Amino acid sequence: AVAQDFWGESEFTVRLVSALAGIATTMLVAVWAWLWT
């Protein structure tokens, strides 16, 4: 709802939170791999 308040209702904003979560998860996995090895 916050995303759509800023950028309006669309297929993009319906999926925006999931896409940002994907980027954040990928970055975390990469950093975790570096910290481990």
PDB file of all heavy atoms in Angstrom:
ATOM      1  N   ALA A   1       0.828  -1.209   0.000  1.00  0.00           N
ATOM      2  CA  ALA A   1       0.000   0.000   0.000  1.00  0.00           C
ATOM      3  C   ALA A   1       0.863   1.260   0.000  1.00  0.00           C
ATOM      4  O   ALA A   1       0.543   2.237  -0.691  1.00  0.00           O
ATOM      5  CB  ALA A   1      -0.923  -0.005   1.217  1.00  0.00           C
ATOM      6  N   VAL A   2       1.959   1.241   0.758  1.00  0.00           N
ATOM      7  CA  VAL A   2       2.871   2.385   0.767  1.00  0.00           C
ATOM      8  C   VAL A   2       3.463   2.601  -0.623  1.00  0.00           C
ATOM      9  O   VAL A   2       3.536   3.737  -1.119  1.00  0.00           O
ATOM     10  CB  VAL A   2       3.990   2.171   1.812  1.00  0.00           C
ATOM     11  CG1 VAL A   2       5.068   3.242   1.661  1.00  0.00           C
ATOM     12  CG2 VAL A   2       3.415   2.211   3.225  1.00  0.00           C
ATOM     13  N   ALA A   3       3.894   1.517  -1.272  1.00  0.00           N
ATOM     14  CA  ALA A   3       4.462   1.623  -2.628  1.00  0.00           C
ATOM     15  C   ALA A   3       3.439   2.210  -3.592  1.00  0.00           C
ATOM     16  O   ALA A   3       3.764   3.067  -4.427  1.00  0.00           O
ATOM     17  CB  ALA A   3       4.927   0.250  -3.100  1.00  0.00           C
ATOM     18  N   GLN A   4       2.191   1.795  -3.468  1.00  0.00           N
ATOM     19  CA  GLN A   4       1.172   2.280  -4.388  1.00  0.00           C
ATOM     20  C   GLN A   4       0.749   3.712  -4.068  1.00  0.00           C
ATOM     21  O   GLN A   4       0.319   4.439  -4.965  1.00  0.00           O
ATOM     22  CB  GLN A   4      -0.037   1.338  -4.367  1.00  0.00           C
ATOM     23  CG  GLN A   4       0.280  -0.025  -4.955  1.00  0.00           C
ATOM     24  CD  GLN A   4      -0.901  -0.965  -4.977  1.00  0.00           C
ATOM     25  OE1 GLN A   4      -2.002  -0.618  -4.571  1.00  0.00           O
ATOM     26  NE2 GLN A   4      -0.676  -2.188  -5.449  1.00  0.00           N
ATOM     27  N   ASP A   5       0.891   4.118  -2.831  1.00  0.00           N
ATOM     28  CA  ASP A   5       0.640   5.529  -2.502  1.00  0.00           C
ATOM     29  C   ASP A   5       1.644   6.439  -3.204  1.00  0.00           C
ATOM     30  O   ASP A   5       1.321   7.573  -3.561  1.00  0.00           O
ATOM     31  CB  ASP A   5       0.706   5.736  -0.984  1.00  0.00           C
ATOM     32  CG  ASP A   5      -0.554   5.255  -0.274  1.00  0.00           C
ATOM     33  OD1 ASP A   5      -1.585   5.082  -0.964  1.00  0.00           O
ATOM     34  OD2 ASP A   5      -0.502   5.043   0.954  1.00  0.00           O
ATOM     35  N   PHE A   6       2.860   5.936  -3.391  1.00  0.00           N
ATOM     36  CA  PHE A   6       3.898   6.730  -4.046  1.00  0.00           C
ATOM     37  C   PHE A   6       3.827   6.638  -5.570  1.00  0.00           C
ATOM     38  O   PHE A   6       3.966   7.646  -6.262  1.00  0.00           O
ATOM     39  CB  PHE A   6       5.291   6.276  -3.579  1.00  0.00           C
ATOM     40  CG  PHE A   6       5.713   6.874  -2.267  1.00  0.00           C
ATOM     41  CD1 PHE A   6       5.532   6.180  -1.075  1.00  0.00           C
ATOM     42  CD2 PHE A   6       6.279   8.136  -2.211  1.00  0.00           C
ATOM     43  CE1 PHE A   6       5.914   6.731   0.138  1.00  0.00           C
ATOM     44  CE2 PHE A   6       6.669   8.703  -1.003  1.00  0.00           C
ATOM     45  CZ  PHE A   6       6.482   7.994   0.174  1.00  0.00           C
ATOM     46  N   TRP A   7       3.638   5.425  -6.100  1.00  0.00           N
ATOM     47  CA  TRP A   7       3.771   5.216  -7.543  1.00  0.00           C
ATOM     48  C   TRP A   7       2.496   4.737  -8.225  1.00  0.00           C
ATOM     49  O   TRP A   7       2.515   4.397  -9.398  1.00  0.00           O
ATOM     50  CB  TRP A   7       4.907   4.223  -7.809  1.00  0.00           C
ATOM     51  CG  TRP A   7       6.229   4.763  -7.371  1.00  0.00           C
ATOM     52  CD1 TRP A   7       6.927   5.801  -7.921  1.00  0.00           C
ATOM     53  CD2 TRP A   7       7.031   4.310  -6.268  1.00  0.00           C
ATOM     54  NE1 TRP A   7       8.098   6.016  -7.238  1.00  0.00           N
ATOM     55  CE2 TRP A   7       8.193   5.115  -6.211  1.00  0.00           C
ATOM     56  CE3 TRP A   7       6.891   3.292  -5.311  1.00  0.00           C
ATOM     57  CZ2 TRP A   7       9.186   4.940  -5.264  1.00  0.00           C
ATOM     58  CZ3 TRP A   7       7.864   3.124  -4.362  1.00  0.00           C
ATOM     59  CH2 TRP A   7       9.001   3.943  -4.335  1.00  0.00           C
ATOM     60  N   GLY A   8       1.398   4.694  -7.505  1.00  0.00           N
ATOM     61  CA  GLY A   8       0.139   4.316  -8.119  1.00  0.00           C
ATOM     62  C   GLY A   8      -0.059   2.814  -8.189  1.00  0.00           C
ATOM     63  O   GLY A   8       0.870   2.024  -7.984  1.00  0.00           O
ATOM     64  N   GLU A   9      -1.282   2.431  -8.495  1.00  0.00           N
ATOM     65  CA  GLU A   9      -1.626   1.010  -8.567  1.00  0.00           C
ATOM     66  C   GLU A   9      -1.331   0.470  -9.967  1.00  0.00           C
ATOM     67  O   GLU A   9      -1.834   0.987 -10.965  1.00  0.00           O
ATOM     68  CB  GLU A   9      -3.101   0.816  -8.238  1.00  0.00           C
ATOM     69  CG  GLU A   9      -3.524  -0.642  -8.185  1.00  0.00           C
ATOM     70  CD  GLU A   9      -5.000  -0.791  -7.896  1.00  0.00           C
ATOM     71  OE1 GLU A   9      -5.823  -0.478  -8.784  1.00  0.00           O
ATOM     72  OE2 GLU A   9      -5.346  -1.209  -6.773  1.00  0.00           O
ATOM     73  N   SER A  10      -0.536  -0.576 -10.042  1.00  0.00           N
ATOM     74  CA  SER A  10      -0.193  -1.206 -11.313  1.00  0.00           C
ATOM     75  C   SER A  10       0.356  -2.595 -11.030  1.00  0.00           C
ATOM     76  O   SER A  10       0.622  -2.954  -9.872  1.00  0.00           O
ATOM     77  CB  SER A  10       0.849  -0.382 -12.070  1.00  0.00           C
ATOM     78  OG  SER A  10       2.085  -0.377 -11.364  1.00  0.00           O
ATOM     79  N   GLU A  11       0.530  -3.375 -12.092  1.00  0.00           N
ATOM     80  CA  GLU A  11       1.143  -4.690 -11.927  1.00  0.00           C
ATOM     81  C   GLU A  11       2.550  -4.554 -11.343  1.00  0.00           C
ATOM     82  O   GLU A  11       2.988  -5.388 -10.548  1.00  0.00           O
ATOM     83  CB  GLU A  11       1.208  -5.421 -13.274  1.00  0.00           C
ATOM     84  CG  GLU A  11      -0.107  -5.976 -13.770  1.00  0.00           C
ATOM     85  CD  GLU A  11      -0.954  -4.922 -14.480  1.00  0.00           C
ATOM     86  OE1 GLU A  11      -0.563  -3.726 -14.489  1.00  0.00           O
ATOM     87  OE2 GLU A  11      -2.004  -5.295 -15.043  1.00  0.00           O
ATOM     88  N   PHE A  12       3.239  -3.486 -11.733  1.00  0.00           N
ATOM     89  CA  PHE A  12       4.602  -3.270 -11.236  1.00  0.00           C
ATOM     90  C   PHE A  12       4.611  -3.051  -9.725  1.00  0.00           C
ATOM     91  O   PHE A  12       5.398  -3.672  -9.004  1.00  0.00           O
ATOM     92  CB  PHE A  12       5.234  -2.074 -11.945  1.00  0.00           C
ATOM     93  CG  PHE A  12       6.628  -1.748 -11.480  1.00  0.00           C
ATOM     94  CD1 PHE A  12       7.722  -2.439 -11.982  1.00  0.00           C
ATOM     95  CD2 PHE A  12       6.852  -0.758 -10.528  1.00  0.00           C
ATOM     96  CE1 PHE A  12       9.016  -2.149 -11.552  1.00  0.00           C
ATOM     97  CE2 PHE A  12       8.130  -0.465 -10.087  1.00  0.00           C
ATOM     98  CZ  PHE A  12       9.218  -1.162 -10.596  1.00  0.00           C
ATOM     99  N   THR A  13       3.747  -2.172  -9.226  1.00  0.00           N
ATOM    100  CA  THR A  13       3.758  -1.876  -7.794  1.00  0.00           C
ATOM    101  C   THR A  13       3.170  -3.021  -6.969  1.00  0.00           C
ATOM    102  O   THR A  13       3.499  -3.156  -5.790  1.00  0.00           O
ATOM    103  CB  THR A  13       2.993  -0.577  -7.492  1.00  0.00           C
ATOM    104  OG1 THR A  13       1.682  -0.643  -8.065  1.00  0.00           O
ATOM    105  CG2 THR A  13       3.730   0.629  -8.050  1.00  0.00           C
ATOM    106  N   VAL A  14       2.308  -3.836  -7.579  1.00  0.00           N
ATOM    107  CA  VAL A  14       1.822  -5.026  -6.879  1.00  0.00           C
ATOM    108  C   VAL A  14       2.982  -5.969  -6.574  1.00  0.00           C
ATOM    109  O   VAL A  14       3.012  -6.632  -5.532  1.00  0.00           O
ATOM    110  CB  VAL A  14       0.742  -5.739  -7.730  1.00  0.00           C
ATOM    111  CG1 VAL A  14       0.499  -7.162  -7.226  1.00  0.00           C
ATOM    112  CG2 VAL A  14      -0.556  -4.950  -7.704  1.00  0.00           C
ATOM    113  N   ARG A  15       3.977  -5.998  -7.465  1.00  0.00           N
ATOM    114  CA  ARG A  15       5.102  -6.932  -7.337  1.00  0.00           C
ATOM    115  C   ARG A  15       6.382  -6.282  -6.814  1.00  0.00           C
ATOM    116  O   ARG A  15       7.391  -6.967  -6.611  1.00  0.00           O
ATOM    117  CB  ARG A  15       5.391  -7.557  -8.704  1.00  0.00           C
ATOM    118  CG  ARG A  15       4.210  -8.346  -9.252  1.00  0.00           C
ATOM    119  CD  ARG A  15       4.299  -8.585 -10.727  1.00  0.00           C
ATOM    120  NE  ARG A  15       3.116  -9.309 -11.220  1.00  0.00           N
ATOM    121  CZ  ARG A  15       2.680  -9.272 -12.475  1.00  0.00           C
ATOM    122  NH1 ARG A  15       3.327  -8.534 -13.373  1.00  0.00           N
ATOM    123  NH2 ARG A  15       1.611  -9.946 -12.828  1.00  0.00           N
ATOM    124  N   LEU A  16       6.347  -4.982  -6.590  1.00  0.00           N
ATOM    125  CA  LEU A  16       7.572  -4.252  -6.242  1.00  0.00           C
ATOM    126  C   LEU A  16       8.189  -4.739  -4.941  1.00  0.00           C
ATOM    127  O   LEU A  16       9.407  -4.914  -4.851  1.00  0.00           O
ATOM    128  CB  LEU A  16       7.267  -2.753  -6.147  1.00  0.00           C
ATOM    129  CG  LEU A  16       8.438  -1.847  -5.745  1.00  0.00           C
ATOM    130  CD1 LEU A  16       9.582  -1.973  -6.746  1.00  0.00           C
ATOM    131  CD2 LEU A  16       7.972  -0.395  -5.628  1.00  0.00           C
ATOM    132  N   VAL A  17       7.385  -4.970  -3.918  1.00  0.00           N
ATOM    133  CA  VAL A  17       7.916  -5.404  -2.622  1.00  0.00           C
ATOM    134  C   VAL A  17       8.653  -6.735  -2.772  1.00  0.00           C
ATOM    135  O   VAL A  17       9.741  -6.931  -2.221  1.00  0.00           O
ATOM    136  CB  VAL A  17       6.783  -5.524  -1.579  1.00  0.00           C
ATOM    137  CG1 VAL A  17       7.307  -6.159  -0.288  1.00  0.00           C
ATOM    138  CG2 VAL A  17       6.183  -4.161  -1.282  1.00  0.00           C
ATOM    139  N   SER A  18       8.082  -7.645  -3.552  1.00  0.00           N
ATOM    140  CA  SER A  18       8.725  -8.942  -3.768  1.00  0.00           C
ATOM    141  C   SER A  18      10.048  -8.782  -4.505  1.00  0.00           C
ATOM    142  O   SER A  18      11.049  -9.440  -4.165  1.00  0.00           O
ATOM    143  CB  SER A  18       7.795  -9.857  -4.568  1.00  0.00           C
ATOM    144  OG  SER A  18       6.628 -10.167  -3.822  1.00  0.00           O
ATOM    145  N   ALA A  19      10.088  -7.916  -5.521  1.00  0.00           N
ATOM    146  CA  ALA A  19      11.322  -7.706  -6.285  1.00  0.00           C
ATOM    147  C   ALA A  19      12.418  -7.112  -5.408  1.00  0.00           C
ATOM    148  O   ALA A  19      13.578  -7.545  -5.464  1.00  0.00           O
ATOM    149  CB  ALA A  19      11.045  -6.791  -7.472  1.00  0.00           C
ATOM    150  N   LEU A  20      12.072  -6.133  -4.590  1.00  0.00           N
ATOM    151  CA  LEU A  20      13.061  -5.539  -3.683  1.00  0.00           C
ATOM    152  C   LEU A  20      13.547  -6.563  -2.666  1.00  0.00           C
ATOM    153  O   LEU A  20      14.736  -6.587  -2.312  1.00  0.00           O
ATOM    154  CB  LEU A  20      12.446  -4.329  -2.974  1.00  0.00           C
ATOM    155  CG  LEU A  20      12.157  -3.114  -3.857  1.00  0.00           C
ATOM    156  CD1 LEU A  20      11.418  -2.039  -3.057  1.00  0.00           C
ATOM    157  CD2 LEU A  20      13.438  -2.542  -4.449  1.00  0.00           C
ATOM    158  N   ALA A  21      12.640  -7.413  -2.196  1.00  0.00           N
ATOM    159  CA  ALA A  21      13.041  -8.484  -1.274  1.00  0.00           C
ATOM    160  C   ALA A  21      14.011  -9.442  -1.953  1.00  0.00           C
ATOM    161  O   ALA A  21      14.956  -9.939  -1.332  1.00  0.00           O
ATOM    162  CB  ALA A  21      11.810  -9.241  -0.782  1.00  0.00           C
ATOM    163  N   GLY A  22      13.798  -9.694  -3.259  1.00  0.00           N
ATOM    164  CA  GLY A  22      14.707 -10.566  -3.994  1.00  0.00           C
ATOM    165  C   GLY A  22      16.105  -9.984  -4.100  1.00  0.00           C
ATOM    166  O   GLY A  22      17.106 -10.697  -3.933  1.00  0.00           O
ATOM    167  N   ILE A  23      16.177  -8.689  -4.376  1.00  0.00           N
ATOM    168  CA  ILE A  23      17.486  -8.034  -4.459  1.00  0.00           C
ATOM    169  C   ILE A  23      18.183  -8.070  -3.101  1.00  0.00           C
ATOM    170  O   ILE A  23      19.370  -8.387  -2.994  1.00  0.00           O
ATOM    171  CB  ILE A  23      17.322  -6.586  -4.946  1.00  0.00           C
ATOM    172  CG1 ILE A  23      16.831  -6.579  -6.398  1.00  0.00           C
ATOM    173  CG2 ILE A  23      18.637  -5.811  -4.839  1.00  0.00           C
ATOM    174  CD1 ILE A  23      16.451  -5.208  -6.907  1.00  0.00           C
ATOM    175  N   ALA A  24      17.439  -7.747  -2.044  1.00  0.00           N
ATOM    176  CA  ALA A  24      18.015  -7.737  -0.696  1.00  0.00           C
ATOM    177  C   ALA A  24      18.494  -9.136  -0.298  1.00  0.00           C
ATOM    178  O   ALA A  24      19.569  -9.293   0.306  1.00  0.00           O
ATOM    179  CB  ALA A  24      16.990  -7.218   0.306  1.00  0.00           C
ATOM    180  N   THR A  25      17.715 -10.153  -0.634  1.00  0.00           N
ATOM    181  CA  THR A  25      18.104 -11.527  -0.297  1.00  0.00           C
ATOM    182  C   THR A  25      19.360 -11.933  -1.049  1.00  0.00           C
ATOM    183  O   THR A  25      20.269 -12.556  -0.479  1.00  0.00           O
ATOM    184  CB  THR A  25      16.964 -12.508  -0.627  1.00  0.00           C
ATOM    185  OG1 THR A  25      15.759 -12.079   0.006  1.00  0.00           O
ATOM    186  CG2 THR A  25      17.302 -13.904  -0.135  1.00  0.00           C
ATOM    187  N   THR A  26      19.433 -11.589  -2.324  1.00  0.00           N
ATOM    188  CA  THR A  26      20.611 -11.917  -3.128  1.00  0.00           C
ATOM    189  C   THR A  26      21.864 -11.260  -2.558  1.00  0.00           C
ATOM    190  O   THR A  26      22.923 -11.898  -2.441  1.00  0.00           O
ATOM    191  CB  THR A  26      20.408 -11.467  -4.581  1.00  0.00           C
ATOM    192  OG1 THR A  26      19.240 -12.102  -5.123  1.00  0.00           O
ATOM    193  CG2 THR A  26      21.610 -11.822  -5.440  1.00  0.00           C
ATOM    194  N   MET A  27      21.754  -9.982  -2.203  1.00  0.00           N
ATOM    195  CA  MET A  27      22.904  -9.274  -1.632  1.00  0.00           C
ATOM    196  C   MET A  27      23.331  -9.907  -0.312  1.00  0.00           C
ATOM    197  O   MET A  27      24.529 -10.071  -0.041  1.00  0.00           O
ATOM    198  CB  MET A  27      22.537  -7.803  -1.421  1.00  0.00           C
ATOM    199  CG  MET A  27      22.134  -7.060  -2.681  1.00  0.00           C
ATOM    200  SD  MET A  27      23.501  -6.793  -3.822  1.00  0.00           S
ATOM    201  CE  MET A  27      24.338  -5.441  -2.995  1.00  0.00           C
ATOM    202  N   LEU A  28      22.350 -10.287   0.502  1.00  0.00           N
ATOM    203  CA  LEU A  28      22.661 -10.904   1.784  1.00  0.00           C
ATOM    204  C   LEU A  28      23.343 -12.254   1.592  1.00  0.00           C
ATOM    205  O   LEU A  28      24.322 -12.571   2.279  1.00  0.00           O
ATOM    206  CB  LEU A  28      21.379 -11.068   2.610  1.00  0.00           C
ATOM    207  CG  LEU A  28      21.524 -11.740   3.971  1.00  0.00           C
ATOM    208  CD1 LEU A  28      22.519 -10.986   4.858  1.00  0.00           C
ATOM    209  CD2 LEU A  28      20.164 -11.833   4.660  1.00  0.00           C
ATOM    210  N   VAL A  29      22.850 -13.056   0.654  1.00  0.00           N
ATOM    211  CA  VAL A  29      23.467 -14.354   0.368  1.00  0.00           C
ATOM    212  C   VAL A  29      24.918 -14.169  -0.080  1.00  0.00           C
ATOM    213  O   VAL A  29      25.809 -14.913   0.342  1.00  0.00           O
ATOM    214  CB  VAL A  29      22.645 -15.103  -0.700  1.00  0.00           C
ATOM    215  CG1 VAL A  29      23.422 -16.296  -1.244  1.00  0.00           C
ATOM    216  CG2 VAL A  29      21.319 -15.569  -0.111  1.00  0.00           C
ATOM    217  N   ALA A  30      25.162 -13.177  -0.930  1.00  0.00           N
ATOM    218  CA  ALA A  30      26.516 -12.925  -1.419  1.00  0.00           C
ATOM    219  C   ALA A  30      27.446 -12.510  -0.277  1.00  0.00           C
ATOM    220  O   ALA A  30      28.575 -13.019  -0.155  1.00  0.00           O
ATOM    221  CB  ALA A  30      26.491 -11.857  -2.499  1.00  0.00           C
ATOM    222  N   VAL A  31      26.999 -11.580   0.545  1.00  0.00           N
ATOM    223  CA  VAL A  31      27.819 -11.123   1.676  1.00  0.00           C
ATOM    224  C   VAL A  31      28.056 -12.255   2.667  1.00  0.00           C
ATOM    225  O   VAL A  31      29.170 -12.420   3.203  1.00  0.00           O
ATOM    226  CB  VAL A  31      27.148  -9.917   2.366  1.00  0.00           C
ATOM    227  CG1 VAL A  31      27.867  -9.571   3.663  1.00  0.00           C
ATOM    228  CG2 VAL A  31      27.129  -8.710   1.436  1.00  0.00           C
ATOM    229  N   TRP A  32      27.033 -13.052   2.907  1.00  0.00           N
ATOM    230  CA  TRP A  32      27.162 -14.193   3.812  1.00  0.00           C
ATOM    231  C   TRP A  32      28.207 -15.171   3.277  1.00  0.00           C
ATOM    232  O   TRP A  32      29.057 -15.669   4.033  1.00  0.00           O
ATOM    233  CB  TRP A  32      25.814 -14.882   3.958  1.00  0.00           C
ATOM    234  CG  TRP A  32      25.718 -15.854   5.097  1.00  0.00           C
ATOM    235  CD1 TRP A  32      26.750 -16.377   5.825  1.00  0.00           C
ATOM    236  CD2 TRP A  32      24.520 -16.414   5.639  1.00  0.00           C
ATOM    237  NE1 TRP A  32      26.267 -17.235   6.789  1.00  0.00           N
ATOM    238  CE2 TRP A  32      24.908 -17.281   6.696  1.00  0.00           C
ATOM    239  CE3 TRP A  32      23.173 -16.289   5.326  1.00  0.00           C
ATOM    240  CZ2 TRP A  32      23.977 -18.002   7.434  1.00  0.00           C
ATOM    241  CZ3 TRP A  32      22.250 -17.009   6.066  1.00  0.00           C
ATOM    242  CH2 TRP A  32      22.642 -17.851   7.110  1.00  0.00           C
ATOM    243  N   ALA A  33      28.174 -15.437   1.984  1.00  0.00           N
ATOM    244  CA  ALA A  33      29.156 -16.337   1.378  1.00  0.00           C
ATOM    245  C   ALA A  33      30.575 -15.801   1.562  1.00  0.00           C
ATOM    246  O   ALA A  33      31.514 -16.570   1.826  1.00  0.00           O
ATOM    247  CB  ALA A  33      28.842 -16.518  -0.108  1.00  0.00           C
ATOM    248  N   TRP A  34      30.724 -14.481   1.438  1.00  0.00           N
ATOM    249  CA  TRP A  34      32.057 -13.892   1.620  1.00  0.00           C
ATOM    250  C   TRP A  34      32.509 -13.972   3.078  1.00  0.00           C
ATOM    251  O   TRP A  34      33.669 -14.315   3.362  1.00  0.00           O
ATOM    252  CB  TRP A  34      32.054 -12.436   1.159  1.00  0.00           C
ATOM    253  CG  TRP A  34      33.403 -11.798   1.279  1.00  0.00           C
ATOM    254  CD1 TRP A  34      34.448 -11.920   0.421  1.00  0.00           C
ATOM    255  CD2 TRP A  34      33.856 -10.956   2.352  1.00  0.00           C
ATOM    256  NE1 TRP A  34      35.532 -11.201   0.886  1.00  0.00           N
ATOM    257  CE2 TRP A  34      35.201 -10.603   2.065  1.00  0.00           C
ATOM    258  CE3 TRP A  34      33.259 -10.472   3.504  1.00  0.00           C
ATOM    259  CZ2 TRP A  34      35.937  -9.786   2.910  1.00  0.00           C
ATOM    260  CZ3 TRP A  34      33.994  -9.662   4.352  1.00  0.00           C
ATOM    261  CH2 TRP A  34      35.325  -9.331   4.041  1.00  0.00           C
ATOM    262  N   LEU A  35      31.615 -13.662   4.006  1.00  0.00           N
ATOM    263  CA  LEU A  35      31.973 -13.722   5.421  1.00  0.00           C
ATOM    264  C   LEU A  35      32.346 -15.136   5.845  1.00  0.00           C
ATOM    265  O   LEU A  35      33.194 -15.330   6.711  1.00  0.00           O
ATOM    266  CB  LEU A  35      30.811 -13.210   6.273  1.00  0.00           C
ATOM    267  CG  LEU A  35      30.546 -11.701   6.231  1.00  0.00           C
ATOM    268  CD1 LEU A  35      29.257 -11.364   6.969  1.00  0.00           C
ATOM    269  CD2 LEU A  35      31.708 -10.933   6.834  1.00  0.00           C
ATOM    270  N   TRP A  36      31.701 -16.107   5.240  1.00  0.00           N
ATOM    271  CA  TRP A  36      31.953 -17.496   5.599  1.00  0.00           C
ATOM    272  C   TRP A  36      33.285 -17.993   5.029  1.00  0.00           C
ATOM    273  O   TRP A  36      34.033 -18.710   5.685  1.00  0.00           O
ATOM    274  CB  TRP A  36      30.815 -18.367   5.086  1.00  0.00           C
ATOM    275  CG  TRP A  36      30.709 -19.708   5.760  1.00  0.00           C
ATOM    276  CD1 TRP A  36      31.718 -20.400   6.358  1.00  0.00           C
ATOM    277  CD2 TRP A  36      29.534 -20.502   5.900  1.00  0.00           C
ATOM    278  NE1 TRP A  36      31.251 -21.593   6.857  1.00  0.00           N
ATOM    279  CE2 TRP A  36      29.905 -21.677   6.595  1.00  0.00           C
ATOM    280  CE3 TRP A  36      28.221 -20.353   5.498  1.00  0.00           C
ATOM    281  CZ2 TRP A  36      28.992 -22.683   6.895  1.00  0.00           C
ATOM    282  CZ3 TRP A  36      27.317 -21.353   5.803  1.00  0.00           C
ATOM    283  CH2 TRP A  36      27.695 -22.503   6.495  1.00  0.00           C
ATOM    284  N   THR A  37      33.585 -17.590   3.777  1.00  0.00           N
ATOM    285  CA  THR A  37      34.755 -18.152   3.101  1.00  0.00           C
ATOM    286  C   THR A  37      35.895 -17.160   2.892  1.00  0.00           C
ATOM    287  O   THR A  37      37.038 -17.570   2.671  1.00  0.00           O
ATOM    288  CB  THR A  37      34.348 -18.685   1.720  1.00  0.00           C
ATOM    289  OG1 THR A  37      33.936 -17.593   0.887  1.00  0.00           O
ATOM    290  CG2 THR A  37      33.212 -19.681   1.841  1.00  0.00           C
TER     291      THR A  37
END
